[in-house]
Amino acid sequence: MSIHLPARHRNTATANRQPTLTLGELRPPAPLQHTTADTPTKNTGRHGTEVPRRGLNRPYTGRAALAPQPRVYRAATAQLAGLYPFLYARPLPPAGPYIGTNLLTGTAFTCHPIAWLHHGLITNPNLLITGIPGTGKSAHIKALALRLMSFGVKTLVLGDLKNEYRELAHALGVQPVELGPGLPARLNPLDAGPLGEDLPRDPAALDERLAEIHRRRLTLLGALLSTKLARPLTPTEEAAISLAIHETTGQADGASALAEPTLPQVWAVLRDPTREMARELRVRGGDVEELRDMVRPVADALRAMVHGSLSGLFDGPTTIAPDFTAPIQT
């Protein structure tokens, strides 16, 4: 009995009967032959020779009877963006100074982290620039800082260990600050800075300004001492530091002109606290000796800043005059 299949089924059946191996591929492998200097070199699969697509017809050479076909997947760009996001990412809007050319798209690249933050494109304006030595990291940072000055952005270099920004500061008419052990310059961390200038005449506004200056001094000194002690300050220690700052400025005595406190002055008050401080901190019986024992760790940590490794840096009134209106300060 014969069965007549449709053309589509005949093709399928015929395709299924196609042999997967040819007779040549079923032939036993030929024995290895040693070549001599007079015999021409055959295809051995080494460097510089051509290897068949299915592999060499020899044992242990990884010969495949059938070449595997890779599996093909399809997905939308919304899913493929997780595998290779550079094909899906949209360019940033043109904001800020021109920096260079995008190597992936060939478009101009501009950079203004503060503008990106204001437009809601990022949540943190910090930049991390990495690269191997000699690839232009410092040059890029200086170029970015110089070009951002046209957009009203000022640059503050907190520690220029290699004097990389000296020439840039000199070109902009700014004298760099030289601060270090053995140098005559001093920087008072408790200096009021610009907040201490042009004080308002209104009593309420003046009290608010003085309170803000005191909060900043207390926050800075508390952070320095917490780092030195490797622990947070206790409420009693923080209150004692606040009273010591008031003692050194004269605000505790109701002085009309407040002085700039220094670290040695605050340390002297904490080392020998007054009876008024003991009563203010509600020490039992106003005992000054008990208060001295309570604040001894803070006083010792502050002494290390005054007479330790940081001596000669922050142990006196400020002798430099930073220009906070300059485009760069280093």
C-alpha atoms as a PDB file:
ATOM      1  CA  MET A   1       0.000   0.000   0.000  1.00  0.00           C
ATOM      2  CA  SER A   2       1.387   3.394  -0.915  1.00  0.00           C
ATOM      3  CA  ILE A   3       0.607   6.603   0.896  1.00  0.00           C
ATOM      4  CA  HIS A   4       0.723   9.895  -0.911  1.00  0.00           C
ATOM      5  CA  LEU A   5       1.759  12.677   1.394  1.00  0.00           C
ATOM      6  CA  PRO A   6       1.231  16.348   0.694  1.00  0.00           C
ATOM      7  CA  ALA A   7       4.191  18.249  -0.584  1.00  0.00           C
ATOM      8  CA  ARG A   8       4.837  19.841   2.783  1.00  0.00           C
ATOM      9  CA  HIS A   9       4.862  16.455   4.549  1.00  0.00           C
ATOM     10  CA  ARG A  10       6.974  14.841   1.815  1.00  0.00           C
ATOM     11  CA  ASN A  11       9.627  17.462   2.256  1.00  0.00           C
ATOM     12  CA  THR A  12       9.592  16.968   5.999  1.00  0.00           C
ATOM     13  CA  ALA A  13       9.834  13.228   5.744  1.00  0.00           C
ATOM     14  CA  THR A  14      12.608  13.461   3.206  1.00  0.00           C
ATOM     15  CA  ALA A  15      14.480  15.903   5.396  1.00  0.00           C
ATOM     16  CA  ASN A  16      14.157  13.564   8.347  1.00  0.00           C
ATOM     17  CA  ARG A  17      15.722  10.754   6.336  1.00  0.00           C
ATOM     18  CA  GLN A  18      18.820  12.784   5.522  1.00  0.00           C
ATOM     19  CA  PRO A  19      21.900  11.183   7.124  1.00  0.00           C
ATOM     20  CA  THR A  20      23.563  13.191   9.829  1.00  0.00           C
ATOM     21  CA  LEU A  21      27.005  11.758   8.940  1.00  0.00           C
ATOM     22  CA  THR A  22      28.611  11.230   5.596  1.00  0.00           C
ATOM     23  CA  LEU A  23      30.623   8.175   4.651  1.00  0.00           C
ATOM     24  CA  GLY A  24      33.772  10.205   4.658  1.00  0.00           C
ATOM     25  CA  GLU A  25      33.147  11.252   8.240  1.00  0.00           C
ATOM     26  CA  LEU A  26      32.588   7.611   9.309  1.00  0.00           C
ATOM     27  CA  ARG A  27      35.924   6.570   7.836  1.00  0.00           C
ATOM     28  CA  PRO A  28      38.398   5.525  10.578  1.00  0.00           C
ATOM     29  CA  PRO A  29      41.047   8.118  11.337  1.00  0.00           C
ATOM     30  CA  ALA A  30      44.282   7.812   9.473  1.00  0.00           C
ATOM     31  CA  PRO A  31      47.363   6.908  11.487  1.00  0.00           C
ATOM     32  CA  LEU A  32      49.732   9.652  12.437  1.00  0.00           C
ATOM     33  CA  GLN A  33      52.597  10.136  10.025  1.00  0.00           C
ATOM     34  CA  HIS A  34      55.944  11.526  11.004  1.00  0.00           C
ATOM     35  CA  THR A  35      57.178  14.197   8.667  1.00  0.00           C
ATOM     36  CA  THR A  36      60.782  14.674   7.773  1.00  0.00           C
ATOM     37  CA  ALA A  37      62.635  17.706   6.613  1.00  0.00           C
ATOM     38  CA  ASP A  38      62.096  16.671   2.951  1.00  0.00           C
ATOM     39  CA  THR A  39      58.375  15.994   3.391  1.00  0.00           C
ATOM     40  CA  PRO A  40      56.138  19.081   3.055  1.00  0.00           C
ATOM     41  CA  THR A  41      54.322  20.060   6.244  1.00  0.00           C
ATOM     42  CA  LYS A  42      50.629  19.164   6.255  1.00  0.00           C
ATOM     43  CA  ASN A  43      47.704  20.820   7.993  1.00  0.00           C
ATOM     44  CA  THR A  44      48.395  20.123  11.688  1.00  0.00           C
ATOM     45  CA  GLY A  45      46.254  22.800  13.240  1.00  0.00           C
ATOM     46  CA  ARG A  46      49.132  24.668  14.811  1.00  0.00           C
ATOM     47  CA  HIS A  47      49.684  28.408  14.677  1.00  0.00           C
ATOM     48  CA  GLY A  48      49.578  29.722  11.150  1.00  0.00           C
ATOM     49  CA  THR A  49      47.699  26.728   9.627  1.00  0.00           C
ATOM     50  CA  GLU A  50      44.059  26.389   8.702  1.00  0.00           C
ATOM     51  CA  VAL A  51      41.772  24.089  10.675  1.00  0.00           C
ATOM     52  CA  PRO A  52      38.602  22.605   9.138  1.00  0.00           C
ATOM     53  CA  ARG A  53      35.313  23.895  10.412  1.00  0.00           C
ATOM     54  CA  ARG A  54      34.454  20.571  12.050  1.00  0.00           C
ATOM     55  CA  GLY A  55      37.928  20.126  13.528  1.00  0.00           C
ATOM     56  CA  LEU A  56      40.883  17.916  12.704  1.00  0.00           C
ATOM     57  CA  ASN A  57      40.106  14.306  11.816  1.00  0.00           C
ATOM     58  CA  ARG A  58      42.335  12.859  14.541  1.00  0.00           C
ATOM     59  CA  PRO A  59      41.793  11.482  18.002  1.00  0.00           C
ATOM     60  CA  TYR A  60      41.556  13.939  20.875  1.00  0.00           C
ATOM     61  CA  THR A  61      41.307  16.946  18.589  1.00  0.00           C
ATOM     62  CA  GLY A  62      37.735  17.883  19.456  1.00  0.00           C
ATOM     63  CA  ARG A  63      36.247  16.969  16.082  1.00  0.00           C
ATOM     64  CA  ALA A  64      32.514  17.574  15.881  1.00  0.00           C
ATOM     65  CA  ALA A  65      30.311  15.629  13.534  1.00  0.00           C
ATOM     66  CA  LEU A  66      27.814  18.479  13.465  1.00  0.00           C
ATOM     67  CA  ALA A  67      28.635  22.141  13.975  1.00  0.00           C
ATOM     68  CA  PRO A  68      26.431  23.411  16.832  1.00  0.00           C
ATOM     69  CA  GLN A  69      24.035  26.170  15.976  1.00  0.00           C
ATOM     70  CA  PRO A  70      23.839  29.003  18.525  1.00  0.00           C
ATOM     71  CA  ARG A  71      20.444  29.675  20.009  1.00  0.00           C
ATOM     72  CA  VAL A  72      18.932  33.008  19.070  1.00  0.00           C
ATOM     73  CA  TYR A  73      16.992  35.086  21.580  1.00  0.00           C
ATOM     74  CA  ARG A  74      14.931  38.148  20.931  1.00  0.00           C
ATOM     75  CA  ALA A  75      13.850  40.809  23.411  1.00  0.00           C
ATOM     76  CA  ALA A  76      12.881  44.435  23.538  1.00  0.00           C
ATOM     77  CA  THR A  77      15.422  47.131  24.291  1.00  0.00           C
ATOM     78  CA  ALA A  78      13.765  47.655  27.668  1.00  0.00           C
ATOM     79  CA  GLN A  79      14.997  44.194  28.718  1.00  0.00           C
ATOM     80  CA  LEU A  80      18.284  44.253  26.815  1.00  0.00           C
ATOM     81  CA  ALA A  81      19.230  47.490  28.545  1.00  0.00           C
ATOM     82  CA  GLY A  82      20.148  45.445  31.606  1.00  0.00           C
ATOM     83  CA  LEU A  83      22.620  43.342  29.577  1.00  0.00           C
ATOM     84  CA  TYR A  84      24.261  46.221  27.726  1.00  0.00           C
ATOM     85  CA  PRO A  85      22.953  49.550  28.972  1.00  0.00           C
ATOM     86  CA  PHE A  86      25.109  51.689  26.678  1.00  0.00           C
ATOM     87  CA  LEU A  87      22.877  50.848  23.707  1.00  0.00           C
ATOM     88  CA  TYR A  88      19.769  52.037  25.524  1.00  0.00           C
ATOM     89  CA  ALA A  89      20.986  54.936  27.659  1.00  0.00           C
ATOM     90  CA  ARG A  90      19.910  58.365  26.520  1.00  0.00           C
ATOM     91  CA  PRO A  91      22.484  61.164  26.425  1.00  0.00           C
ATOM     92  CA  LEU A  92      22.519  63.777  29.148  1.00  0.00           C
ATOM     93  CA  PRO A  93      21.082  67.176  28.260  1.00  0.00           C
ATOM     94  CA  PRO A  94      23.590  69.868  27.260  1.00  0.00           C
ATOM     95  CA  ALA A  95      24.290  71.622  30.551  1.00  0.00           C
ATOM     96  CA  GLY A  96      27.566  73.153  31.620  1.00  0.00           C
ATOM     97  CA  PRO A  97      30.904  73.555  29.874  1.00  0.00           C
ATOM     98  CA  TYR A  98      32.103  71.447  26.975  1.00  0.00           C
ATOM     99  CA  ILE A  99      34.467  68.680  28.104  1.00  0.00           C
ATOM    100  CA  GLY A 100      34.986  66.391  25.125  1.00  0.00           C
ATOM    101  CA  THR A 101      33.390  63.915  22.732  1.00  0.00           C
ATOM    102  CA  ASN A 102      31.360  60.878  23.710  1.00  0.00           C
ATOM    103  CA  LEU A 103      33.306  57.872  22.394  1.00  0.00           C
ATOM    104  CA  LEU A 104      30.133  55.786  21.963  1.00  0.00           C
ATOM    105  CA  THR A 105      27.877  58.273  20.212  1.00  0.00           C
ATOM    106  CA  GLY A 106      30.303  60.884  18.875  1.00  0.00           C
ATOM    107  CA  THR A 107      28.246  63.706  20.367  1.00  0.00           C
ATOM    108  CA  ALA A 108      29.560  66.558  22.487  1.00  0.00           C
ATOM    109  CA  PHE A 109      29.797  65.861  26.211  1.00  0.00           C
ATOM    110  CA  THR A 110      29.124  68.639  28.709  1.00  0.00           C
ATOM    111  CA  CYS A 111      29.428  68.355  32.475  1.00  0.00           C
ATOM    112  CA  HIS A 112      27.738  70.391  35.213  1.00  0.00           C
ATOM    113  CA  PRO A 113      26.955  68.176  38.249  1.00  0.00           C
ATOM    114  CA  ILE A 114      25.185  70.976  40.121  1.00  0.00           C
ATOM    115  CA  ALA A 115      22.897  71.670  37.150  1.00  0.00           C
ATOM    116  CA  TRP A 116      22.199  67.939  36.847  1.00  0.00           C
ATOM    117  CA  LEU A 117      21.203  67.923  40.503  1.00  0.00           C
ATOM    118  CA  HIS A 118      18.884  70.911  40.089  1.00  0.00           C
ATOM    119  CA  HIS A 119      17.207  69.289  37.074  1.00  0.00           C
ATOM    120  CA  GLY A 120      16.612  66.065  38.994  1.00  0.00           C
ATOM    121  CA  LEU A 121      18.892  63.959  36.798  1.00  0.00           C
ATOM    122  CA  ILE A 122      21.063  62.832  39.728  1.00  0.00           C
ATOM    123  CA  THR A 123      20.664  62.766  43.491  1.00  0.00           C
ATOM    124  CA  ASN A 124      24.293  63.429  44.416  1.00  0.00           C
ATOM    125  CA  PRO A 125      26.620  65.895  42.650  1.00  0.00           C
ATOM    126  CA  ASN A 126      29.835  64.123  43.706  1.00  0.00           C
ATOM    127  CA  LEU A 127      32.236  62.939  41.001  1.00  0.00           C
ATOM    128  CA  LEU A 128      34.719  60.061  41.131  1.00  0.00           C
ATOM    129  CA  ILE A 129      37.420  60.241  38.465  1.00  0.00           C
ATOM    130  CA  THR A 130      39.626  57.155  38.161  1.00  0.00           C
ATOM    131  CA  GLY A 131      42.288  56.042  35.720  1.00  0.00           C
ATOM    132  CA  ILE A 132      45.814  54.758  35.434  1.00  0.00           C
ATOM    133  CA  PRO A 133      48.660  57.233  36.035  1.00  0.00           C
ATOM    134  CA  GLY A 134      49.425  59.577  33.200  1.00  0.00           C
ATOM    135  CA  THR A 135      46.024  59.499  31.489  1.00  0.00           C
ATOM    136  CA  GLY A 136      45.083  63.099  32.303  1.00  0.00           C
ATOM    137  CA  LYS A 137      42.982  62.899  35.466  1.00  0.00           C
ATOM    138  CA  SER A 138      44.467  66.025  37.037  1.00  0.00           C
ATOM    139  CA  ALA A 139      44.338  67.927  33.752  1.00  0.00           C
ATOM    140  CA  HIS A 140      40.685  66.994  33.346  1.00  0.00           C
ATOM    141  CA  ILE A 141      39.802  68.143  36.873  1.00  0.00           C
ATOM    142  CA  LYS A 142      41.590  71.458  36.394  1.00  0.00           C
ATOM    143  CA  ALA A 143      39.922  71.986  33.020  1.00  0.00           C
ATOM    144  CA  LEU A 144      36.516  71.196  34.516  1.00  0.00           C
ATOM    145  CA  ALA A 145      37.097  73.559  37.449  1.00  0.00           C
ATOM    146  CA  LEU A 146      38.299  76.350  35.164  1.00  0.00           C
ATOM    147  CA  ARG A 147      35.376  76.012  32.756  1.00  0.00           C
ATOM    148  CA  LEU A 148      32.792  75.757  35.538  1.00  0.00           C
ATOM    149  CA  MET A 149      33.942  79.166  36.789  1.00  0.00           C
ATOM    150  CA  SER A 150      32.130  80.684  33.799  1.00  0.00           C
ATOM    151  CA  PHE A 151      28.931  79.232  35.276  1.00  0.00           C
ATOM    152  CA  GLY A 152      29.501  80.759  38.707  1.00  0.00           C
ATOM    153  CA  VAL A 153      31.004  77.672  40.372  1.00  0.00           C
ATOM    154  CA  LYS A 154      33.903  78.269  42.775  1.00  0.00           C
ATOM    155  CA  THR A 155      36.635  75.724  43.479  1.00  0.00           C
ATOM    156  CA  LEU A 156      38.066  74.914  46.898  1.00  0.00           C
ATOM    157  CA  VAL A 157      41.125  72.630  47.008  1.00  0.00           C
ATOM    158  CA  LEU A 158      41.429  71.416  50.593  1.00  0.00           C
ATOM    159  CA  GLY A 159      44.787  69.675  50.241  1.00  0.00           C
ATOM    160  CA  ASP A 160      47.092  70.209  47.265  1.00  0.00           C
ATOM    161  CA  LEU A 161      49.894  67.851  48.259  1.00  0.00           C
ATOM    162  CA  LYS A 162      51.611  67.989  44.848  1.00  0.00           C
ATOM    163  CA  ASN A 163      51.079  71.721  44.207  1.00  0.00           C
ATOM    164  CA  GLU A 164      49.128  70.837  41.071  1.00  0.00           C
ATOM    165  CA  TYR A 165      46.767  73.809  41.392  1.00  0.00           C
ATOM    166  CA  ARG A 166      49.399  76.434  42.182  1.00  0.00           C
ATOM    167  CA  GLU A 167      49.833  77.586  38.574  1.00  0.00           C
ATOM    168  CA  LEU A 168      46.067  77.689  38.026  1.00  0.00           C
ATOM    169  CA  ALA A 169      45.596  79.818  41.142  1.00  0.00           C
ATOM    170  CA  HIS A 170      48.401  82.180  40.119  1.00  0.00           C
ATOM    171  CA  ALA A 171      46.895  82.528  36.635  1.00  0.00           C
ATOM    172  CA  LEU A 172      43.620  83.604  38.253  1.00  0.00           C
ATOM    173  CA  GLY A 173      45.346  86.072  40.562  1.00  0.00           C
ATOM    174  CA  VAL A 174      44.941  84.017  43.752  1.00  0.00           C
ATOM    175  CA  GLN A 175      47.777  83.394  46.199  1.00  0.00           C
ATOM    176  CA  PRO A 176      47.770  79.775  47.463  1.00  0.00           C
ATOM    177  CA  VAL A 177      47.763  79.183  51.212  1.00  0.00           C
ATOM    178  CA  GLU A 178      50.769  77.285  52.555  1.00  0.00           C
ATOM    179  CA  LEU A 179      49.811  75.488  55.749  1.00  0.00           C
ATOM    180  CA  GLY A 180      51.925  72.800  57.365  1.00  0.00           C
ATOM    181  CA  PRO A 181      54.238  71.885  60.243  1.00  0.00           C
ATOM    182  CA  GLY A 182      57.040  74.393  60.634  1.00  0.00           C
ATOM    183  CA  LEU A 183      55.335  77.058  58.539  1.00  0.00           C
ATOM    184  CA  PRO A 184      54.301  80.379  60.061  1.00  0.00           C
ATOM    185  CA  ALA A 185      50.686  80.254  58.860  1.00  0.00           C
ATOM    186  CA  ARG A 186      47.937  79.355  61.336  1.00  0.00           C
ATOM    187  CA  LEU A 187      44.313  78.453  60.714  1.00  0.00           C
ATOM    188  CA  ASN A 188      41.840  78.701  63.571  1.00  0.00           C
ATOM    189  CA  PRO A 189      39.094  76.099  63.092  1.00  0.00           C
ATOM    190  CA  LEU A 190      36.831  78.091  65.444  1.00  0.00           C
ATOM    191  CA  ASP A 191      37.097  81.275  63.379  1.00  0.00           C
ATOM    192  CA  ALA A 192      33.694  82.701  62.474  1.00  0.00           C
ATOM    193  CA  GLY A 193      34.801  83.398  58.916  1.00  0.00           C
ATOM    194  CA  PRO A 194      32.385  85.343  56.699  1.00  0.00           C
ATOM    195  CA  LEU A 195      29.607  84.941  59.286  1.00  0.00           C
ATOM    196  CA  GLY A 196      31.537  87.183  61.654  1.00  0.00           C
ATOM    197  CA  GLU A 197      31.577  90.070  59.172  1.00  0.00           C
ATOM    198  CA  ASP A 198      28.847  92.665  58.623  1.00  0.00           C
ATOM    199  CA  LEU A 199      26.871  91.680  61.696  1.00  0.00           C
ATOM    200  CA  PRO A 200      23.246  92.858  61.605  1.00  0.00           C
ATOM    201  CA  ARG A 201      22.168  95.741  63.810  1.00  0.00           C
ATOM    202  CA  ASP A 202      18.771  94.263  64.581  1.00  0.00           C
ATOM    203  CA  PRO A 203      18.987  92.527  68.007  1.00  0.00           C
ATOM    204  CA  ALA A 204      16.904  89.533  66.932  1.00  0.00           C
ATOM    205  CA  ALA A 205      18.914  89.035  63.743  1.00  0.00           C
ATOM    206  CA  LEU A 206      22.156  89.504  65.677  1.00  0.00           C
ATOM    207  CA  ASP A 207      21.199  86.845  68.222  1.00  0.00           C
ATOM    208  CA  GLU A 208      20.317  84.463  65.410  1.00  0.00           C
ATOM    209  CA  ARG A 209      23.658  85.090  63.692  1.00  0.00           C
ATOM    210  CA  LEU A 210      25.630  84.539  66.918  1.00  0.00           C
ATOM    211  CA  ALA A 211      23.685  81.349  67.614  1.00  0.00           C
ATOM    212  CA  GLU A 212      24.528  80.064  64.132  1.00  0.00           C
ATOM    213  CA  ILE A 213      28.225  80.836  64.645  1.00  0.00           C
ATOM    214  CA  HIS A 214      28.180  78.996  67.976  1.00  0.00           C
ATOM    215  CA  ARG A 215      26.442  75.968  66.439  1.00  0.00           C
ATOM    216  CA  ARG A 216      29.074  75.706  63.746  1.00  0.00           C
ATOM    217  CA  ARG A 217      31.904  75.958  66.241  1.00  0.00           C
ATOM    218  CA  LEU A 218      30.330  73.325  68.450  1.00  0.00           C
ATOM    219  CA  THR A 219      29.691  70.980  65.512  1.00  0.00           C
ATOM    220  CA  LEU A 220      33.248  71.294  64.190  1.00  0.00           C
ATOM    221  CA  LEU A 221      34.916  70.869  67.560  1.00  0.00           C
ATOM    222  CA  GLY A 222      32.636  67.956  68.416  1.00  0.00           C
ATOM    223  CA  ALA A 223      33.539  66.215  65.158  1.00  0.00           C
ATOM    224  CA  LEU A 224      37.270  66.704  65.784  1.00  0.00           C
ATOM    225  CA  LEU A 225      37.046  65.330  69.315  1.00  0.00           C
ATOM    226  CA  SER A 226      34.833  62.401  68.279  1.00  0.00           C
ATOM    227  CA  THR A 227      37.412  61.441  65.670  1.00  0.00           C
ATOM    228  CA  LYS A 228      40.225  61.722  68.194  1.00  0.00           C
ATOM    229  CA  LEU A 229      38.349  59.708  70.845  1.00  0.00           C
ATOM    230  CA  ALA A 230      36.997  57.176  68.314  1.00  0.00           C
ATOM    231  CA  ARG A 231      33.556  57.445  69.912  1.00  0.00           C
ATOM    232  CA  PRO A 232      30.639  59.880  70.047  1.00  0.00           C
ATOM    233  CA  LEU A 233      30.634  62.553  72.725  1.00  0.00           C
ATOM    234  CA  THR A 234      28.356  62.132  75.698  1.00  0.00           C
ATOM    235  CA  PRO A 235      25.681  64.783  76.316  1.00  0.00           C
ATOM    236  CA  THR A 236      27.619  66.052  79.344  1.00  0.00           C
ATOM    237  CA  GLU A 237      30.838  66.382  77.327  1.00  0.00           C
ATOM    238  CA  GLU A 238      29.064  68.224  74.521  1.00  0.00           C
ATOM    239  CA  ALA A 239      27.415  70.596  77.001  1.00  0.00           C
ATOM    240  CA  ALA A 240      30.788  71.232  78.666  1.00  0.00           C
ATOM    241  CA  ILE A 241      32.357  72.097  75.305  1.00  0.00           C
ATOM    242  CA  SER A 242      29.520  74.501  74.568  1.00  0.00           C
ATOM    243  CA  LEU A 243      30.014  76.255  77.908  1.00  0.00           C
ATOM    244  CA  ALA A 244      33.784  76.380  77.365  1.00  0.00           C
ATOM    245  CA  ILE A 245      33.293  78.145  74.025  1.00  0.00           C
ATOM    246  CA  HIS A 246      30.987  80.682  75.690  1.00  0.00           C
ATOM    247  CA  GLU A 247      33.619  81.253  78.385  1.00  0.00           C
ATOM    248  CA  THR A 248      36.370  81.966  75.867  1.00  0.00           C
ATOM    249  CA  THR A 249      34.267  84.333  73.737  1.00  0.00           C
ATOM    250  CA  GLY A 250      33.043  86.310  76.741  1.00  0.00           C
ATOM    251  CA  GLN A 251      29.399  85.636  75.947  1.00  0.00           C
ATOM    252  CA  ALA A 252      28.959  83.894  79.289  1.00  0.00           C
ATOM    253  CA  ASP A 253      29.871  87.156  81.056  1.00  0.00           C
ATOM    254  CA  GLY A 254      27.637  89.292  78.823  1.00  0.00           C
ATOM    255  CA  ALA A 255      30.470  91.004  76.946  1.00  0.00           C
ATOM    256  CA  SER A 256      29.430  93.458  74.238  1.00  0.00           C
ATOM    257  CA  ALA A 257      32.324  92.490  71.922  1.00  0.00           C
ATOM    258  CA  LEU A 258      32.876  88.754  71.533  1.00  0.00           C
ATOM    259  CA  ALA A 259      36.400  87.418  71.023  1.00  0.00           C
ATOM    260  CA  GLU A 260      37.439  84.676  68.619  1.00  0.00           C
ATOM    261  CA  PRO A 261      38.020  81.457  70.590  1.00  0.00           C
ATOM    262  CA  THR A 262      41.028  79.234  69.919  1.00  0.00           C
ATOM    263  CA  LEU A 263      41.691  75.597  70.684  1.00  0.00           C
ATOM    264  CA  PRO A 264      44.252  76.356  73.437  1.00  0.00           C
ATOM    265  CA  GLN A 265      41.736  78.628  75.174  1.00  0.00           C
ATOM    266  CA  VAL A 266      38.973  76.017  75.071  1.00  0.00           C
ATOM    267  CA  TRP A 267      41.404  73.387  76.331  1.00  0.00           C
ATOM    268  CA  ALA A 268      42.420  75.653  79.238  1.00  0.00           C
ATOM    269  CA  VAL A 269      38.774  76.072  80.285  1.00  0.00           C
ATOM    270  CA  LEU A 270      38.081  72.322  80.105  1.00  0.00           C
ATOM    271  CA  ARG A 271      41.259  71.587  82.039  1.00  0.00           C
ATOM    272  CA  ASP A 272      40.250  73.974  84.845  1.00  0.00           C
ATOM    273  CA  PRO A 273      36.456  74.338  84.725  1.00  0.00           C
ATOM    274  CA  THR A 274      34.764  77.060  86.712  1.00  0.00           C
ATOM    275  CA  ARG A 275      32.220  76.676  89.479  1.00  0.00           C
ATOM    276  CA  GLU A 276      29.615  78.337  87.233  1.00  0.00           C
ATOM    277  CA  MET A 277      30.123  75.562  84.682  1.00  0.00           C
ATOM    278  CA  ALA A 278      29.677  72.938  87.412  1.00  0.00           C
ATOM    279  CA  ARG A 279      26.394  74.507  88.498  1.00  0.00           C
ATOM    280  CA  GLU A 280      25.225  74.875  84.893  1.00  0.00           C
ATOM    281  CA  LEU A 281      25.930  71.186  84.263  1.00  0.00           C
ATOM    282  CA  ARG A 282      24.175  70.271  87.549  1.00  0.00           C
ATOM    283  CA  VAL A 283      27.157  68.563  89.067  1.00  0.00           C
ATOM    284  CA  ARG A 284      26.413  67.351  92.582  1.00  0.00           C
ATOM    285  CA  GLY A 285      27.196  70.175  94.991  1.00  0.00           C
ATOM    286  CA  GLY A 286      28.843  72.209  92.203  1.00  0.00           C
ATOM    287  CA  ASP A 287      32.006  70.157  92.685  1.00  0.00           C
ATOM    288  CA  VAL A 288      34.628  71.376  90.237  1.00  0.00           C
ATOM    289  CA  GLU A 289      36.843  68.316  90.789  1.00  0.00           C
ATOM    290  CA  GLU A 290      34.028  65.980  89.816  1.00  0.00           C
ATOM    291  CA  LEU A 291      33.383  68.021  86.680  1.00  0.00           C
ATOM    292  CA  ARG A 292      37.086  67.912  85.830  1.00  0.00           C
ATOM    293  CA  ASP A 293      37.027  64.108  86.042  1.00  0.00           C
ATOM    294  CA  MET A 294      33.914  63.981  83.839  1.00  0.00           C
ATOM    295  CA  VAL A 295      35.489  66.007  81.025  1.00  0.00           C
ATOM    296  CA  ARG A 296      39.041  64.672  81.394  1.00  0.00           C
ATOM    297  CA  PRO A 297      38.908  62.481  78.219  1.00  0.00           C
ATOM    298  CA  VAL A 298      37.760  65.458  76.148  1.00  0.00           C
ATOM    299  CA  ALA A 299      40.403  67.734  77.672  1.00  0.00           C
ATOM    300  CA  ASP A 300      43.137  65.171  76.999  1.00  0.00           C
ATOM    301  CA  ALA A 301      42.016  64.748  73.377  1.00  0.00           C
ATOM    302  CA  LEU A 302      42.019  68.510  72.904  1.00  0.00           C
ATOM    303  CA  ARG A 303      45.472  68.747  74.448  1.00  0.00           C
ATOM    304  CA  ALA A 304      46.767  66.292  71.832  1.00  0.00           C
ATOM    305  CA  MET A 305      45.552  68.700  69.142  1.00  0.00           C
ATOM    306  CA  VAL A 306      47.246  71.653  70.806  1.00  0.00           C
ATOM    307  CA  HIS A 307      50.565  70.052  71.778  1.00  0.00           C
ATOM    308  CA  GLY A 308      50.569  66.908  69.632  1.00  0.00           C
ATOM    309  CA  SER A 309      51.053  66.231  65.937  1.00  0.00           C
ATOM    310  CA  LEU A 310      48.725  69.081  64.958  1.00  0.00           C
ATOM    311  CA  SER A 311      50.573  71.689  66.979  1.00  0.00           C
ATOM    312  CA  GLY A 312      51.583  74.684  64.926  1.00  0.00           C
ATOM    313  CA  LEU A 313      48.635  74.338  62.563  1.00  0.00           C
ATOM    314  CA  PHE A 314      45.410  75.062  64.439  1.00  0.00           C
ATOM    315  CA  ASP A 315      46.637  76.303  67.807  1.00  0.00           C
ATOM    316  CA  GLY A 316      46.313  80.046  67.313  1.00  0.00           C
ATOM    317  CA  PRO A 317      44.366  82.830  65.634  1.00  0.00           C
ATOM    318  CA  THR A 318      44.088  82.739  61.864  1.00  0.00           C
ATOM    319  CA  THR A 319      47.057  84.470  60.224  1.00  0.00           C
ATOM    320  CA  ILE A 320      45.966  83.984  56.621  1.00  0.00           C
ATOM    321  CA  ALA A 321      43.212  85.829  54.812  1.00  0.00           C
ATOM    322  CA  PRO A 322      41.283  83.463  52.531  1.00  0.00           C
ATOM    323  CA  ASP A 323      39.415  85.288  49.795  1.00  0.00           C
ATOM    324  CA  PHE A 324      36.013  83.639  49.704  1.00  0.00           C
ATOM    325  CA  THR A 325      35.030  85.707  46.665  1.00  0.00           C
ATOM    326  CA  ALA A 326      37.905  84.342  44.553  1.00  0.00           C
ATOM    327  CA  PRO A 327      37.106  81.762  41.846  1.00  0.00           C
ATOM    328  CA  ILE A 328      39.543  79.282  43.411  1.00  0.00           C
ATOM    329  CA  GLN A 329      41.093  78.828  46.829  1.00  0.00           C
ATOM    330  CA  THR A 330      43.899  76.374  47.453  1.00  0.00           C
END
